[in-house]
Amino acid sequence: MAEAARQEQSEKKMARSVIGTVMSISGEKTINVGIDNMVPHRKYGKYIRRRTKLLVHDPKGEAAKGDRVEIIPCRPLSRRKSWRLVRVVRRSDLPMGPGGKEG
């Protein structure tokens, strides 16, 4: 019974995944991901672009600037970093410089 409950909880957490764009590489294992959404203006109803910037843990360093990535929440790893990279959805078209860095 407890095993089924744990399985159900893990499925719920996986359902909370979010897709965003890598804005920058903040360190060896940290990326900065921007999540864009459109919200209606309270008074006028016109849709406004809003961007949420999150710090994401990328232990293998597989994401590059401009990539579309899927992330899920996890336990806090630092003061602002509490998301984890699941997979790279789509690679960026940005050219890679020497050493695998953008430039």
Protein backbone atom coordinates (compact mmCIF):
# COMPACT_ATOMS: atom_id res chain seq x y z
CA MET A 1 0.00 0.00 0.00
CA ALA A 2 2.78 2.43 0.91
CA GLU A 3 4.62 1.58 -2.32
CA ALA A 4 1.57 2.57 -4.39
CA ALA A 5 1.29 5.87 -2.52
CA ARG A 6 4.97 6.66 -3.17
CA GLN A 7 4.57 5.81 -6.85
CA GLU A 8 1.53 8.10 -7.07
CA GLN A 9 3.42 10.97 -5.39
CA SER A 10 6.38 10.61 -7.75
CA GLU A 11 4.01 10.70 -10.75
CA LYS A 12 2.45 13.90 -9.41
CA LYS A 13 5.89 15.50 -9.08
CA MET A 14 6.78 14.50 -12.64
CA ALA A 15 3.54 16.12 -13.84
CA ARG A 16 4.83 19.47 -12.50
CA SER A 17 7.62 19.65 -15.06
CA VAL A 18 8.15 22.96 -16.84
CA ILE A 19 9.81 23.74 -20.18
CA GLY A 20 11.98 26.83 -20.49
CA THR A 21 14.95 28.34 -22.31
CA VAL A 22 18.50 28.42 -20.96
CA MET A 23 19.39 32.11 -20.55
CA SER A 24 22.96 31.64 -19.30
CA ILE A 25 25.39 29.22 -17.71
CA SER A 26 25.90 30.41 -14.12
CA GLY A 27 28.60 27.97 -13.03
CA GLU A 28 29.82 24.42 -13.52
CA LYS A 29 26.56 22.76 -12.49
CA THR A 30 24.09 25.66 -12.61
CA ILE A 31 22.08 27.09 -15.48
CA ASN A 32 19.72 30.07 -15.54
CA VAL A 33 16.40 29.13 -17.18
CA GLY A 34 13.73 31.60 -18.27
CA ILE A 35 10.09 30.54 -18.38
CA ASP A 36 7.87 32.76 -20.53
CA ASN A 37 4.16 33.11 -19.94
CA MET A 38 1.40 35.46 -21.05
CA VAL A 39 -0.91 36.99 -18.44
CA PRO A 40 -3.86 39.32 -19.05
CA HIS A 41 -3.60 42.89 -17.75
CA ARG A 42 -5.95 43.29 -14.79
CA LYS A 43 -7.65 46.42 -16.08
CA TYR A 44 -7.36 46.33 -19.86
CA GLY A 45 -7.25 42.61 -20.60
CA LYS A 46 -4.34 42.92 -23.05
CA TYR A 47 -1.90 40.04 -22.72
CA ILE A 48 1.53 40.90 -21.29
CA ARG A 49 4.69 38.78 -21.51
CA ARG A 50 6.15 37.78 -18.17
CA ARG A 51 9.40 35.88 -17.62
CA THR A 52 10.34 33.89 -14.52
CA LYS A 53 14.06 33.23 -14.12
CA LEU A 54 15.04 30.10 -12.20
CA LEU A 55 18.38 28.62 -11.19
CA VAL A 56 18.53 24.95 -12.21
CA HIS A 57 20.92 22.17 -11.18
CA ASP A 58 22.63 20.60 -14.21
CA PRO A 59 25.05 18.00 -12.76
CA LYS A 60 26.36 16.70 -16.12
CA GLY A 61 26.67 20.13 -17.76
CA GLU A 62 24.71 18.98 -20.80
CA ALA A 63 22.66 22.15 -21.41
CA ALA A 64 23.98 25.11 -23.42
CA LYS A 65 22.79 28.67 -23.85
CA GLY A 66 19.62 28.85 -25.96
CA ASP A 67 18.55 25.21 -25.41
CA ARG A 68 14.94 24.34 -24.55
CA VAL A 69 15.00 22.23 -21.37
CA GLU A 70 12.54 20.40 -19.14
CA ILE A 71 12.94 21.00 -15.39
CA ILE A 72 11.25 19.75 -12.22
CA PRO A 73 11.26 21.07 -8.66
CA CYS A 74 13.51 19.39 -6.09
CA ARG A 75 14.81 20.03 -2.60
CA PRO A 76 16.69 23.32 -2.13
CA LEU A 77 20.31 22.88 -3.24
CA SER A 78 21.32 26.48 -2.45
CA ARG A 79 19.65 29.76 -1.54
CA ARG A 80 17.97 30.23 -4.93
CA LYS A 81 18.49 26.86 -6.65
CA SER A 82 15.66 24.37 -6.12
CA TRP A 83 15.02 23.00 -9.63
CA ARG A 84 16.67 20.08 -11.44
CA LEU A 85 17.25 19.45 -15.14
CA VAL A 86 15.34 16.46 -16.54
CA ARG A 87 16.31 16.58 -20.22
CA VAL A 88 17.25 18.85 -23.08
CA VAL A 89 14.15 19.07 -25.27
CA ARG A 90 15.73 20.90 -28.23
CA ARG A 91 19.31 22.00 -28.88
CA SER A 92 20.13 25.61 -29.69
CA ASP A 93 21.20 26.82 -33.13
CA LEU A 94 23.83 29.14 -31.61
CA PRO A 95 27.38 28.54 -32.84
CA MET A 96 29.80 26.99 -30.35
CA GLY A 97 33.14 28.70 -29.76
CA PRO A 98 36.47 27.10 -28.77
CA GLY A 99 36.32 24.79 -25.78
CA GLY A 100 32.59 24.13 -26.19
CA LYS A 101 31.63 27.62 -24.95
CA GLU A 102 29.34 30.01 -26.80
CA GLY A 103 31.09 32.89 -28.33
